[in-house]
Amino acid sequence: MSGHGTPIPMISHPCGPLAGRADVPGDKSISHRALILGALSVGETVITGLLEGDDVLDTAKAMRAFGAEVSRDEHGTWRVHGVGVGGFAEPSQVIDCGNSGTGVRLIMGAMATSPITATFTGDASLNKRPMARVTDPLALFGARAVGRSGGRLPMTVVGAADPVPVRYEVPVPSAQVKSAVLLAGLNAPGQTVVIEREATRDHTERMLAGFGATITTEDTPEGRVITLNGQPDLIPQGIAVPRDPSSAAFPVCAAILTPGSDVLVPNIGLNPTRAGLFTTLREMGAELEYENLREEGGEPVADLRARFSPDLRGVEVPPARAASMIDEYPVLSVVAAFATGQTVMRGVRELRVKESDRIAAMAAGLRAGGVTVEDGPDWWIVHGLGHGNVPGGQTCESHLDHRIAMSFLVMGMAAQAPVSVDDAGPIATSFPVFEPLMAALGADIRRG
C-alpha cells in the first residue's frame, strides 16, 4: 500500500472471531527519534525493530541527505553512522517527508541550529498542515523559515549560524513541538528549557538521556520543566524499538468489538504518556489484560491480550488524558459507537490539525453509518448504540489519513453491514502489514 499513489479502496465485512497473535510494527515515534539521534551521534547506532513504514523510511532518507550513513541489512537491522551534534551537511535536494508531521517537525528542529539551509515538502496532506507551531520557537534560536501562506510546506529553513539557548513554554500540548525545540537545543550553548503545562509523550527525553545528553525533568506549579545542556557528545546506542501502541490499537479494538475474539499483541510499549487508550478501554468495560510486564530500553513493555467485550459503556474521557492518546481518538470513537450511552471527548483541539481534521472526518463517517455524533471546536460526543446495533453500510473518506482508514475498517468488522473506505493507501505510512496481519487474525477486508 502507498499513501502517495493511486487510491486503494477497501471494504471491511462483518467477520467471525478474531484469534491469534498480532505482531504489529515497531513504534513510529521511537523509530523517527532513533534515526535522528543516531545521525547526531558520532559512531554507529544499531536499531532493531524499526518501523519500516513510509513515514520512517522518509526520515531515513532525510538523514542520508544531511550526511549520515544509514543502511539496512538482510535481517532488518538498521545501522546509522552519525555525524555528531552540529555536524549536519547541507542537503543538495529538497527533503520530502511524505505524510509525516513528526518527521518534518523533528528534522527541522535537528537542523535549525546548524549554519545550513534545507527545503522541506511533503504529500498533499502534509502540505496543508501548520508548521508555524515549530518554526516560531525555532526562530528564537536564530533560525529563519520561509514557506507558503499560513506557515505551510513547501518551506525553506535557514539554520542559525550563532544559535542561542531558549526558554520556551509550549502553547498547546504537542510532543512534536517540544521535541523540535529540544533537538534544536542540542547545538545551542548553555541550557535550553522547555515548559509544558500538560505532559506529552516523553520518548525524546528518554532517548536523549540514553544517548548521553544531560537532561532533567521537573514537575513544578508552572508545569513540567525540561532542561537540556547544549552541545553534548552523543554516544551511539543499540536500540530495540518496542511495538507501536498506536498501531496495536486497531487489532485490540477489533478484538473487543468482534464476538468470540481473543487476540494477543506482544511487546507493546506502555509508556504512560502513550497508553491512555488502553486505560480508557478498560474504563469502558473492555476485557484487556497486560501480561509479562517488563522494561526494555528504558521503556515499559508488556504483552497485551484483548477479548470480545459485549457490555461496553460510554465514558467521559478526562481532557488531561488527551495527550497520551491523541492518535487513538478515531478508533476510540468507533468503539464508542458499539458502547451503551455517550462517550464524551474534550480537550482535543489538536485533532483538527492532524493528517486530516480527524473530528470532522470521523463524525461524517460515523453519521453515514447510522451513529449520532455531536462535535465542537475541541470536543465531540458519540452516542453509542450498543453491541450489534450499529448499521454500517457506508463509504467513508480517508482524507489521506491512515488512522481514519483503519478506524473505519475496524468498524466494518462488527457493524451490521460492510463499511468501505475510499482510499486505504495511506495505511502504508504507519502500518504497512495491516492487511495481511488482520487477515491472519480472521478479518474479511477486501480491495476494490
Protein backbone atom coordinates (compact mmCIF):
# COMPACT_ATOMS: atom_id res chain seq x y z
CA MET A 1 0.00 0.00 0.00
CA SER A 2 1.18 3.52 -0.71
CA GLY A 3 -0.07 6.77 0.67
CA HIS A 4 1.16 8.68 -2.37
CA GLY A 5 -0.16 6.85 -5.44
CA THR A 6 -3.36 5.56 -6.98
CA PRO A 7 -6.21 5.30 -4.44
CA ILE A 8 -6.76 1.84 -2.96
CA PRO A 9 -10.42 1.39 -1.98
CA MET A 10 -11.13 -1.25 0.64
CA ILE A 11 -14.26 -2.78 2.12
CA SER A 12 -14.43 -4.41 5.55
CA HIS A 13 -17.08 -7.10 6.02
CA PRO A 14 -18.59 -8.38 9.27
CA CYS A 15 -16.48 -11.36 10.33
CA GLY A 16 -16.23 -14.22 12.78
CA PRO A 17 -13.97 -14.31 15.84
CA LEU A 18 -10.51 -12.78 15.55
CA ALA A 19 -7.87 -15.02 17.08
CA GLY A 20 -4.12 -15.35 17.23
CA ARG A 21 -1.04 -13.23 17.66
CA ALA A 22 -0.78 -9.74 16.17
CA ASP A 23 2.84 -8.73 15.63
CA VAL A 24 2.30 -5.03 14.99
CA PRO A 25 5.13 -2.85 13.65
CA GLY A 26 7.72 -1.00 15.71
CA ASP A 27 6.80 2.24 17.44
CA LYS A 28 6.74 5.07 14.92
CA SER A 29 7.62 7.82 17.39
CA ILE A 30 10.65 5.93 18.70
CA SER A 31 11.72 4.90 15.18
CA HIS A 32 11.88 8.53 13.98
CA ARG A 33 13.86 9.59 17.03
CA ALA A 34 16.28 6.66 16.87
CA LEU A 35 17.27 7.58 13.30
CA ILE A 36 17.65 11.28 14.08
CA LEU A 37 19.63 10.86 17.30
CA GLY A 38 21.73 8.17 15.68
CA ALA A 39 22.58 10.69 12.94
CA LEU A 40 23.54 13.26 15.60
CA SER A 41 25.91 10.84 17.36
CA VAL A 42 29.49 10.03 16.41
CA GLY A 43 29.85 6.35 15.57
CA GLU A 44 27.40 3.54 14.80
CA THR A 45 23.92 3.26 16.26
CA VAL A 46 22.30 -0.14 15.70
CA ILE A 47 18.49 -0.29 15.57
CA THR A 48 16.33 -3.42 15.61
CA GLY A 49 12.56 -3.48 15.25
CA LEU A 50 12.45 -0.21 13.31
CA LEU A 51 9.07 0.56 11.76
CA GLU A 52 9.61 0.23 8.01
CA GLY A 53 6.59 2.33 7.01
CA ASP A 54 6.76 5.19 4.55
CA ASP A 55 6.95 7.87 7.24
CA VAL A 56 10.04 6.41 8.91
CA LEU A 57 11.70 5.48 5.61
CA ASP A 58 11.36 9.13 4.57
CA THR A 59 13.17 10.15 7.77
CA ALA A 60 15.95 7.65 6.98
CA LYS A 61 16.33 9.23 3.52
CA ALA A 62 16.46 12.66 5.12
CA MET A 63 19.26 11.63 7.49
CA ARG A 64 21.26 10.42 4.48
CA ALA A 65 20.66 13.79 2.81
CA PHE A 66 22.12 15.54 5.88
CA GLY A 67 25.28 13.43 5.68
CA ALA A 68 24.71 10.39 7.90
CA GLU A 69 25.26 6.86 6.60
CA VAL A 70 22.06 4.84 7.01
CA SER A 71 21.81 1.19 5.95
CA ARG A 72 19.66 -1.90 6.48
CA ASP A 73 20.93 -5.47 6.38
CA GLU A 74 19.09 -8.55 5.18
CA HIS A 75 17.93 -9.34 8.74
CA GLY A 76 16.14 -6.00 9.14
CA THR A 77 18.81 -4.44 11.37
CA TRP A 78 19.46 -0.75 10.68
CA ARG A 79 22.82 0.97 11.19
CA VAL A 80 23.31 4.71 11.41
CA HIS A 81 26.82 6.20 11.25
CA GLY A 82 26.26 9.67 12.66
CA VAL A 83 27.96 13.00 12.06
CA GLY A 84 27.70 14.40 15.59
CA VAL A 85 25.80 17.31 17.06
CA GLY A 86 26.24 20.29 14.72
CA GLY A 87 27.68 18.06 12.02
CA PHE A 88 24.78 18.03 9.54
CA ALA A 89 25.79 18.77 5.94
CA GLU A 90 23.62 20.96 3.75
CA PRO A 91 21.35 18.72 1.64
CA SER A 92 21.61 19.08 -2.13
CA GLN A 93 17.96 18.22 -2.77
CA VAL A 94 14.57 19.08 -1.32
CA ILE A 95 13.71 16.93 1.74
CA ASP A 96 10.43 15.10 1.06
CA CYS A 97 8.84 13.95 4.34
CA GLY A 98 5.84 12.33 2.66
CA ASN A 99 2.91 12.17 5.08
CA SER A 100 4.88 12.61 8.30
CA GLY A 101 4.26 15.61 10.53
CA THR A 102 6.51 14.06 13.16
CA GLY A 103 9.35 13.55 10.69
CA VAL A 104 9.36 17.04 9.20
CA ARG A 105 8.97 18.87 12.52
CA LEU A 106 11.69 16.89 14.30
CA ILE A 107 14.09 17.19 11.39
CA MET A 108 13.52 20.94 11.21
CA GLY A 109 14.45 21.14 14.88
CA ALA A 110 17.55 18.98 14.46
CA MET A 111 18.96 21.18 11.66
CA ALA A 112 17.76 24.61 12.85
CA THR A 113 20.85 25.41 14.93
CA SER A 114 23.40 24.48 12.26
CA PRO A 115 24.54 27.03 9.63
CA ILE A 116 22.86 25.21 6.74
CA THR A 117 19.75 25.67 4.62
CA ALA A 118 17.18 22.99 3.78
CA THR A 119 13.88 22.97 1.92
CA PHE A 120 11.09 20.64 3.05
CA THR A 121 7.98 19.36 1.30
CA GLY A 122 5.50 16.51 1.66
CA ASP A 123 2.38 14.95 0.22
CA ALA A 124 -0.92 16.78 -0.26
CA SER A 125 -1.96 16.12 3.34
CA LEU A 126 1.31 17.21 4.97
CA ASN A 127 1.50 20.34 2.84
CA LYS A 128 -1.78 21.51 4.40
CA ARG A 129 -0.56 21.18 7.98
CA PRO A 130 0.66 24.16 10.06
CA MET A 131 4.41 24.45 10.58
CA ALA A 132 4.49 27.80 12.40
CA ARG A 133 4.00 25.98 15.69
CA VAL A 134 7.55 24.67 15.16
CA THR A 135 9.19 27.46 13.15
CA ASP A 136 8.11 30.14 15.66
CA PRO A 137 10.10 28.65 18.56
CA LEU A 138 12.98 27.75 16.22
CA ALA A 139 13.20 31.44 15.32
CA LEU A 140 14.08 32.14 18.95
CA PHE A 141 17.30 30.17 18.40
CA GLY A 142 18.07 32.37 15.38
CA ALA A 143 16.70 30.16 12.58
CA ARG A 144 14.60 31.62 9.76
CA ALA A 145 11.81 29.94 7.80
CA VAL A 146 10.01 30.92 4.60
CA GLY A 147 7.02 28.91 3.41
CA ARG A 148 3.60 29.21 1.84
CA SER A 149 0.82 31.26 3.37
CA GLY A 150 -0.33 30.01 6.75
CA GLY A 151 3.13 28.63 7.52
CA ARG A 152 2.69 25.65 5.24
CA LEU A 153 5.06 23.48 3.21
CA PRO A 154 6.99 23.66 0.95
CA MET A 155 9.22 25.60 3.32
CA THR A 156 12.86 26.59 3.47
CA VAL A 157 14.61 26.72 6.85
CA VAL A 158 17.84 28.67 7.25
CA GLY A 159 19.67 27.39 10.31
CA ALA A 160 21.18 29.73 12.88
CA ALA A 161 24.90 30.38 12.43
CA ASP A 162 25.24 31.52 16.06
CA PRO A 163 22.36 29.88 17.93
CA VAL A 164 21.34 30.97 21.40
CA PRO A 165 19.63 28.81 24.02
CA VAL A 166 15.96 29.45 24.66
CA ARG A 167 13.34 29.09 27.34
CA TYR A 168 10.06 28.13 25.70
CA GLU A 169 6.61 27.37 27.05
CA VAL A 170 4.74 25.11 24.62
CA PRO A 171 1.37 26.82 23.98
CA VAL A 172 -0.56 23.62 23.19
CA PRO A 173 0.21 20.03 24.21
CA SER A 174 2.47 18.77 21.41
CA ALA A 175 5.29 16.27 21.68
CA GLN A 176 6.38 17.29 18.17
CA VAL A 177 6.89 20.94 19.15
CA LYS A 178 8.61 20.03 22.41
CA SER A 179 10.90 17.59 20.62
CA ALA A 180 11.78 20.04 17.84
CA VAL A 181 12.87 22.61 20.44
CA LEU A 182 14.92 20.05 22.39
CA LEU A 183 16.63 18.81 19.22
CA ALA A 184 17.45 22.41 18.26
CA GLY A 185 18.81 22.95 21.77
CA LEU A 186 21.38 20.22 21.26
CA ASN A 187 23.58 22.54 19.18
CA ALA A 188 22.94 25.71 21.21
CA PRO A 189 25.32 26.70 24.03
CA GLY A 190 24.09 26.71 27.60
CA GLN A 191 20.74 25.36 28.72
CA THR A 192 17.57 25.12 26.65
CA VAL A 193 14.42 24.90 28.75
CA VAL A 194 11.01 23.67 27.59
CA ILE A 195 7.92 24.07 29.75
CA GLU A 196 4.74 22.12 29.02
CA ARG A 197 1.58 22.70 31.02
CA GLU A 198 0.33 19.21 30.12
CA ALA A 199 2.73 16.30 29.86
CA THR A 200 3.09 14.79 26.37
CA ARG A 201 4.86 11.65 25.20
CA ASP A 202 8.40 11.69 26.57
CA HIS A 203 10.28 9.47 24.11
CA THR A 204 12.62 12.32 23.16
CA GLU A 205 13.65 12.99 26.76
CA ARG A 206 14.18 9.30 27.48
CA MET A 207 16.19 8.77 24.32
CA LEU A 208 18.31 11.90 24.74
CA ALA A 209 19.31 10.66 28.19
CA GLY A 210 20.09 7.24 26.72
CA PHE A 211 22.37 8.82 24.12
CA GLY A 212 24.28 10.62 26.88
CA ALA A 213 22.76 14.09 26.93
CA THR A 214 22.36 15.84 30.28
CA ILE A 215 18.61 16.40 30.56
CA THR A 216 16.38 16.80 33.60
CA THR A 217 12.60 16.87 34.05
CA GLU A 218 10.87 18.52 36.98
CA ASP A 219 7.18 18.86 37.76
CA THR A 220 6.54 22.38 39.06
CA PRO A 221 3.50 24.63 39.64
CA GLU A 222 4.01 26.13 36.15
CA GLY A 223 4.11 22.69 34.54
CA ARG A 224 6.69 20.13 33.50
CA VAL A 225 10.08 21.84 33.11
CA ILE A 226 12.61 20.07 30.87
CA THR A 227 16.19 21.36 30.93
CA LEU A 228 18.78 20.28 28.35
CA ASN A 229 22.50 21.09 28.44
CA GLY A 230 23.58 22.02 24.93
CA GLN A 231 26.46 20.80 22.76
CA PRO A 232 26.86 17.29 24.21
CA ASP A 233 28.80 14.47 22.60
CA LEU A 234 26.05 11.97 21.93
CA ILE A 235 27.09 8.33 22.35
CA PRO A 236 25.87 5.77 19.76
CA GLN A 237 23.39 3.24 21.10
CA GLY A 238 21.86 -0.14 20.44
CA ILE A 239 18.11 0.43 20.27
CA ALA A 240 15.41 -2.25 20.28
CA VAL A 241 12.25 -0.45 19.20
CA PRO A 242 9.14 -1.67 21.10
CA ARG A 243 5.98 -2.29 19.10
CA ASP A 244 3.74 0.70 18.46
CA PRO A 245 0.77 1.15 20.86
CA SER A 246 -0.95 3.35 18.27
CA SER A 247 -0.82 0.51 15.74
CA ALA A 248 -1.80 -2.03 18.40
CA ALA A 249 -4.98 0.00 18.92
CA PHE A 250 -6.53 -1.41 15.75
CA PRO A 251 -6.30 -5.19 16.35
CA VAL A 252 -7.07 -4.56 20.05
CA CYS A 253 -10.23 -2.57 19.30
CA ALA A 254 -11.26 -5.02 16.57
CA ALA A 255 -10.97 -7.90 19.06
CA ILE A 256 -13.00 -6.04 21.68
CA LEU A 257 -15.82 -5.45 19.16
CA THR A 258 -15.92 -8.80 17.31
CA PRO A 259 -17.81 -11.67 19.02
CA GLY A 260 -15.68 -14.56 20.26
CA SER A 261 -12.34 -12.82 19.67
CA ASP A 262 -9.14 -13.44 21.65
CA VAL A 263 -6.04 -11.65 20.33
CA LEU A 264 -2.54 -11.35 21.83
CA VAL A 265 -0.45 -8.32 20.84
CA PRO A 266 3.11 -8.91 22.14
CA ASN A 267 5.87 -6.47 23.09
CA ILE A 268 3.73 -3.33 23.18
CA GLY A 269 5.26 -0.14 24.52
CA LEU A 270 3.29 1.04 27.55
CA ASN A 271 4.96 4.37 28.16
CA PRO A 272 2.47 6.19 30.43
CA THR A 273 2.49 9.16 28.06
CA ARG A 274 1.17 6.85 25.30
CA ALA A 275 -1.15 4.33 26.98
CA GLY A 276 -4.25 6.47 27.54
CA LEU A 277 -6.38 4.47 25.11
CA PHE A 278 -5.91 1.21 26.98
CA THR A 279 -6.83 2.90 30.27
CA THR A 280 -9.96 4.32 28.63
CA LEU A 281 -10.97 0.99 27.10
CA ARG A 282 -10.72 -0.68 30.49
CA GLU A 283 -12.93 2.05 31.97
CA MET A 284 -15.48 1.26 29.25
CA GLY A 285 -15.55 -2.37 30.34
CA ALA A 286 -13.15 -3.86 27.79
CA GLU A 287 -11.56 -7.20 28.66
CA LEU A 288 -7.96 -6.12 28.30
CA GLU A 289 -5.04 -7.66 30.19
CA TYR A 290 -1.33 -6.85 30.46
CA GLU A 291 0.88 -9.94 30.55
CA ASN A 292 4.64 -10.24 31.12
CA LEU A 293 5.17 -6.61 32.19
CA ARG A 294 8.84 -5.63 31.83
CA GLU A 295 11.19 -2.83 30.78
CA GLU A 296 13.20 -2.73 27.56
CA GLY A 297 15.49 0.10 26.52
CA GLY A 298 14.14 2.39 29.21
CA GLU A 299 10.52 1.90 28.06
CA PRO A 300 7.84 -0.15 29.87
CA VAL A 301 6.64 -3.06 27.70
CA ALA A 302 4.01 -5.81 28.02
CA ASP A 303 2.08 -8.39 26.04
CA LEU A 304 -1.48 -7.19 25.59
CA ARG A 305 -4.42 -9.61 25.44
CA ALA A 306 -7.77 -8.34 24.14
CA ARG A 307 -11.01 -10.33 24.21
CA PHE A 308 -14.52 -9.66 22.92
CA SER A 309 -16.29 -7.31 25.33
CA PRO A 310 -20.06 -7.19 24.66
CA ASP A 311 -21.05 -4.85 27.51
CA LEU A 312 -19.10 -1.71 26.73
CA ARG A 313 -20.40 1.52 28.26
CA GLY A 314 -19.82 5.12 27.30
CA VAL A 315 -17.45 7.22 29.43
CA GLU A 316 -16.21 10.77 29.71
CA VAL A 317 -12.53 10.80 28.81
CA PRO A 318 -10.62 13.25 31.06
CA PRO A 319 -9.18 16.12 28.99
CA ALA A 320 -5.87 15.66 30.82
CA ARG A 321 -5.59 12.22 29.19
CA ALA A 322 -5.81 13.59 25.64
CA ALA A 323 -2.08 13.97 25.06
CA SER A 324 -1.47 10.32 25.95
CA MET A 325 -3.93 9.04 23.32
CA ILE A 326 -4.31 11.82 20.76
CA ASP A 327 -3.78 9.48 17.79
CA GLU A 328 -6.22 6.90 19.16
CA TYR A 329 -9.38 9.03 19.34
CA PRO A 330 -10.52 7.99 15.83
CA VAL A 331 -10.62 4.29 16.68
CA LEU A 332 -11.94 5.07 20.18
CA SER A 333 -14.89 6.81 18.52
CA VAL A 334 -15.62 3.57 16.65
CA VAL A 335 -15.55 1.60 19.91
CA ALA A 336 -17.83 4.25 21.42
CA ALA A 337 -20.40 3.60 18.67
CA PHE A 338 -20.74 0.00 19.93
CA ALA A 339 -20.97 1.02 23.61
CA THR A 340 -24.13 1.85 25.52
CA GLY A 341 -24.53 5.55 26.31
CA GLN A 342 -22.47 8.60 25.46
CA THR A 343 -18.69 8.79 25.14
CA VAL A 344 -17.55 12.37 25.68
CA MET A 345 -14.13 13.52 24.43
CA ARG A 346 -12.96 17.03 25.35
CA GLY A 347 -9.73 19.00 25.09
CA VAL A 348 -8.94 17.50 21.68
CA ARG A 349 -8.43 20.60 19.51
CA GLU A 350 -5.20 19.01 18.25
CA LEU A 351 -7.32 16.50 16.28
CA ARG A 352 -8.40 19.33 13.99
CA VAL A 353 -4.84 19.76 12.62
CA LYS A 354 -3.60 16.18 12.25
CA GLU A 355 -3.18 14.44 8.86
CA SER A 356 -6.81 15.45 8.45
CA ASP A 357 -9.41 17.17 10.60
CA ARG A 358 -9.96 13.91 12.43
CA ILE A 359 -13.04 15.04 14.32
CA ALA A 360 -14.80 16.12 11.12
CA ALA A 361 -13.69 13.01 9.20
CA MET A 362 -14.77 10.53 11.87
CA ALA A 363 -18.01 12.37 12.64
CA ALA A 364 -19.00 12.34 8.96
CA GLY A 365 -18.25 8.64 8.52
CA LEU A 366 -19.94 7.59 11.76
CA ARG A 367 -23.07 9.60 10.93
CA ALA A 368 -23.18 7.98 7.49
CA GLY A 369 -23.11 4.62 9.27
CA GLY A 370 -26.10 5.43 11.48
CA VAL A 371 -24.32 6.78 14.57
CA THR A 372 -25.23 10.12 16.19
CA VAL A 373 -22.23 12.41 16.76
CA GLU A 374 -22.08 15.92 18.20
CA ASP A 375 -18.92 17.99 17.79
CA GLY A 376 -17.41 21.39 18.53
CA PRO A 377 -14.03 23.12 18.15
CA ASP A 378 -12.26 20.95 20.74
CA TRP A 379 -14.79 18.30 21.74
CA TRP A 380 -17.04 15.58 20.39
CA ILE A 381 -19.63 13.16 21.71
CA VAL A 382 -20.50 9.77 20.25
CA HIS A 383 -23.93 8.37 21.15
CA GLY A 384 -23.38 4.63 21.39
CA LEU A 385 -25.92 2.16 20.02
CA GLY A 386 -24.74 -0.92 21.89
CA HIS A 387 -23.28 -4.17 20.56
CA GLY A 388 -24.99 -5.49 17.44
CA ASN A 389 -26.92 -2.29 16.76
CA VAL A 390 -24.52 -0.27 14.56
CA PRO A 391 -25.91 -0.26 10.98
CA GLY A 392 -22.73 0.45 8.98
CA GLY A 393 -23.07 0.12 5.23
CA GLN A 394 -21.42 3.45 4.43
CA THR A 395 -18.47 4.53 2.29
CA CYS A 396 -16.06 6.76 4.21
CA GLU A 397 -13.45 9.25 3.03
CA SER A 398 -9.99 8.66 4.50
CA HIS A 399 -8.73 12.19 3.66
CA LEU A 400 -5.22 10.74 3.09
CA ASP A 401 -5.19 9.80 6.78
CA HIS A 402 -4.02 6.32 7.75
CA ARG A 403 -5.78 6.31 11.12
CA ILE A 404 -9.12 7.33 9.64
CA ALA A 405 -8.88 4.50 7.10
CA MET A 406 -8.00 1.83 9.67
CA SER A 407 -10.65 3.02 12.13
CA PHE A 408 -13.48 2.60 9.63
CA LEU A 409 -12.14 -0.79 8.53
CA VAL A 410 -12.35 -1.87 12.18
CA MET A 411 -15.95 -0.58 12.26
CA GLY A 412 -16.87 -2.81 9.32
CA MET A 413 -15.83 -5.96 11.20
CA ALA A 414 -18.60 -5.56 13.79
CA ALA A 415 -21.29 -3.47 12.06
CA GLN A 416 -24.45 -4.96 10.56
CA ALA A 417 -23.31 -4.15 7.00
CA PRO A 418 -19.84 -3.77 5.41
CA VAL A 419 -18.01 -0.45 5.68
CA SER A 420 -15.99 0.90 2.74
CA VAL A 421 -13.05 3.30 2.67
CA ASP A 422 -12.38 5.33 -0.47
CA ASP A 423 -8.58 5.12 -0.14
CA ALA A 424 -6.71 2.87 2.30
CA GLY A 425 -3.36 3.51 0.61
CA PRO A 426 -2.12 5.88 3.34
CA ILE A 427 -2.12 2.97 5.83
CA ALA A 428 1.37 2.17 4.49
CA THR A 429 2.75 5.27 6.20
CA SER A 430 2.49 3.67 9.65
CA PHE A 431 1.22 0.07 9.39
CA PRO A 432 2.44 -1.49 6.13
CA VAL A 433 1.44 -5.04 7.21
CA PHE A 434 -2.09 -4.09 8.32
CA GLU A 435 -3.84 -6.09 5.56
CA PRO A 436 -2.07 -9.45 6.00
CA LEU A 437 -1.96 -9.12 9.79
CA MET A 438 -5.70 -8.54 10.10
CA ALA A 439 -6.44 -11.27 7.54
CA ALA A 440 -4.36 -13.77 9.56
CA LEU A 441 -6.47 -12.94 12.62
CA GLY A 442 -9.68 -13.65 10.68
CA ALA A 443 -10.77 -10.25 9.36
CA ASP A 444 -12.52 -10.03 5.98
CA ILE A 445 -11.09 -6.92 4.32
CA ARG A 446 -11.12 -6.79 0.52
CA ARG A 447 -9.70 -4.41 -2.03
CA GLY A 448 -11.82 -2.68 -4.65
